[in-house]
Protein backbone atom coordinates (compact mmCIF):
# COMPACT_ATOMS: atom_id res chain seq x y z
CA MET A 1 7.10 6.39 -48.91
CA ALA A 2 6.29 9.97 -47.78
CA CYS A 3 5.27 9.19 -43.92
CA TRP A 4 8.82 7.62 -43.39
CA PRO A 5 11.52 9.35 -45.60
CA ASP A 6 14.39 7.64 -44.17
CA ILE A 7 13.29 4.11 -44.93
CA MET A 8 15.30 3.33 -47.92
CA GLU A 9 18.69 4.07 -46.27
CA ALA A 10 17.41 2.03 -43.13
CA ILE A 11 16.75 -0.97 -45.46
CA ALA A 12 20.16 -0.23 -47.08
CA TRP A 13 21.44 -0.70 -43.55
CA ALA A 14 19.75 -3.91 -43.04
CA LYS A 15 21.02 -5.13 -46.32
CA GLY A 16 24.58 -5.01 -44.85
CA SER A 17 25.66 -1.57 -46.09
CA LYS A 18 28.22 0.38 -43.71
CA PHE A 19 27.23 3.47 -42.31
CA TYR A 20 29.81 5.68 -44.14
CA GLU A 21 28.72 4.31 -47.65
CA ILE A 22 25.12 5.26 -46.65
CA MET A 23 25.98 8.72 -45.72
CA GLU A 24 28.08 9.22 -49.00
CA ILE A 25 25.11 8.39 -51.25
CA THR A 26 22.14 10.33 -49.19
CA GLN A 27 21.26 13.78 -47.71
CA VAL A 28 19.76 12.12 -44.71
CA PHE A 29 21.40 13.42 -41.38
CA LYS A 30 23.17 11.13 -39.29
CA GLY A 31 20.81 11.19 -36.48
CA SER A 32 17.87 10.82 -38.73
CA LEU A 33 19.51 7.79 -40.09
CA ILE A 34 20.29 6.22 -36.83
CA SER A 35 16.72 6.95 -35.72
CA ALA A 36 15.20 5.53 -38.62
CA ILE A 37 16.86 2.33 -38.20
CA ARG A 38 15.67 2.29 -34.60
CA ARG A 39 12.19 2.77 -35.79
CA LEU A 40 12.50 -0.08 -37.99
CA ASP A 41 13.77 -2.18 -35.02
CA GLU A 42 10.55 -1.39 -33.13
CA VAL A 43 8.38 -2.15 -36.18
CA LEU A 44 10.40 -5.44 -36.36
CA GLN A 45 9.88 -6.09 -32.68
CA GLN A 46 6.02 -5.69 -32.94
CA LEU A 47 5.65 -7.67 -36.07
CA ILE A 48 7.43 -10.52 -34.19
CA GLN A 49 5.05 -10.55 -31.12
CA ALA A 50 2.19 -10.54 -33.94
CA ALA A 51 3.82 -13.43 -35.50
CA LYS A 52 4.01 -15.37 -32.29
CA TYR A 53 0.56 -14.39 -31.28
CA ILE A 54 -1.02 -15.65 -34.52
CA GLU A 55 1.67 -19.13 -34.20
CA GLU A 56 3.41 -18.06 -37.50
CA LEU A 57 6.87 -19.50 -36.79
CA GLU A 58 8.21 -18.90 -40.47
CA HIS A 59 7.56 -15.40 -40.18
CA GLN A 60 8.79 -15.00 -36.85
CA THR A 61 12.03 -16.37 -37.67
CA LYS A 62 12.27 -13.89 -40.81
CA PHE A 63 11.63 -11.10 -38.49
CA GLU A 64 14.28 -12.33 -36.06
CA ASP A 65 16.53 -12.45 -38.87
CA ALA A 66 16.02 -9.16 -39.95
CA VAL A 67 16.62 -7.54 -36.38
CA ALA A 68 19.78 -9.51 -36.12
CA ARG A 69 20.97 -7.67 -39.36
CA ILE A 70 20.27 -4.34 -38.44
CA LYS A 71 21.24 -4.36 -34.84
CA ARG A 72 24.85 -3.73 -35.29
CA ASP A 73 27.75 -1.18 -35.07
CA ILE A 74 26.99 2.43 -34.23
CA ALA A 75 23.23 2.36 -34.82
CA PHE A 76 22.71 0.76 -31.40
CA ALA A 77 25.72 1.96 -29.58
CA ALA A 78 25.20 2.86 -25.97
CA SER A 79 27.13 5.88 -26.31
CA LEU A 80 29.32 7.49 -29.27
CA TYR A 81 32.02 8.36 -26.62
CA LEU A 82 34.50 5.37 -25.11
CA LEU A 83 36.60 5.87 -22.09
CA THR A 84 39.77 4.52 -22.82
CA ASP A 85 42.46 5.03 -20.01
CA ARG A 86 41.95 8.52 -19.04
CA PHE A 87 41.17 10.07 -22.37
CA TRP A 88 37.47 10.27 -24.05
CA PHE A 89 37.77 9.56 -27.52
CA CYS A 90 34.58 9.67 -30.05
CA SER A 91 34.44 6.25 -32.06
CA GLU A 92 34.53 6.50 -35.75
CA ILE A 93 31.12 7.06 -37.46
């Protein structure tokens, strides 16, 4: 897909691959992958709303399941830095 080159990596994420596993097999930058995953979430959120509007419960459920699969770990972390005691530590990517 020429208009969204990072989609295959985002799909691998949705299928349960770990972030480091995807980074080992691709030339995509980490930030680009996270952006692609978040764009995928936005598209799925819009599809959920469309399915609700046309009362397609089956599709709505599938889209919600897909959102649950991608909203995990580092891609949706509020920050890559965690405050522990008096020191800042960068979380593992």
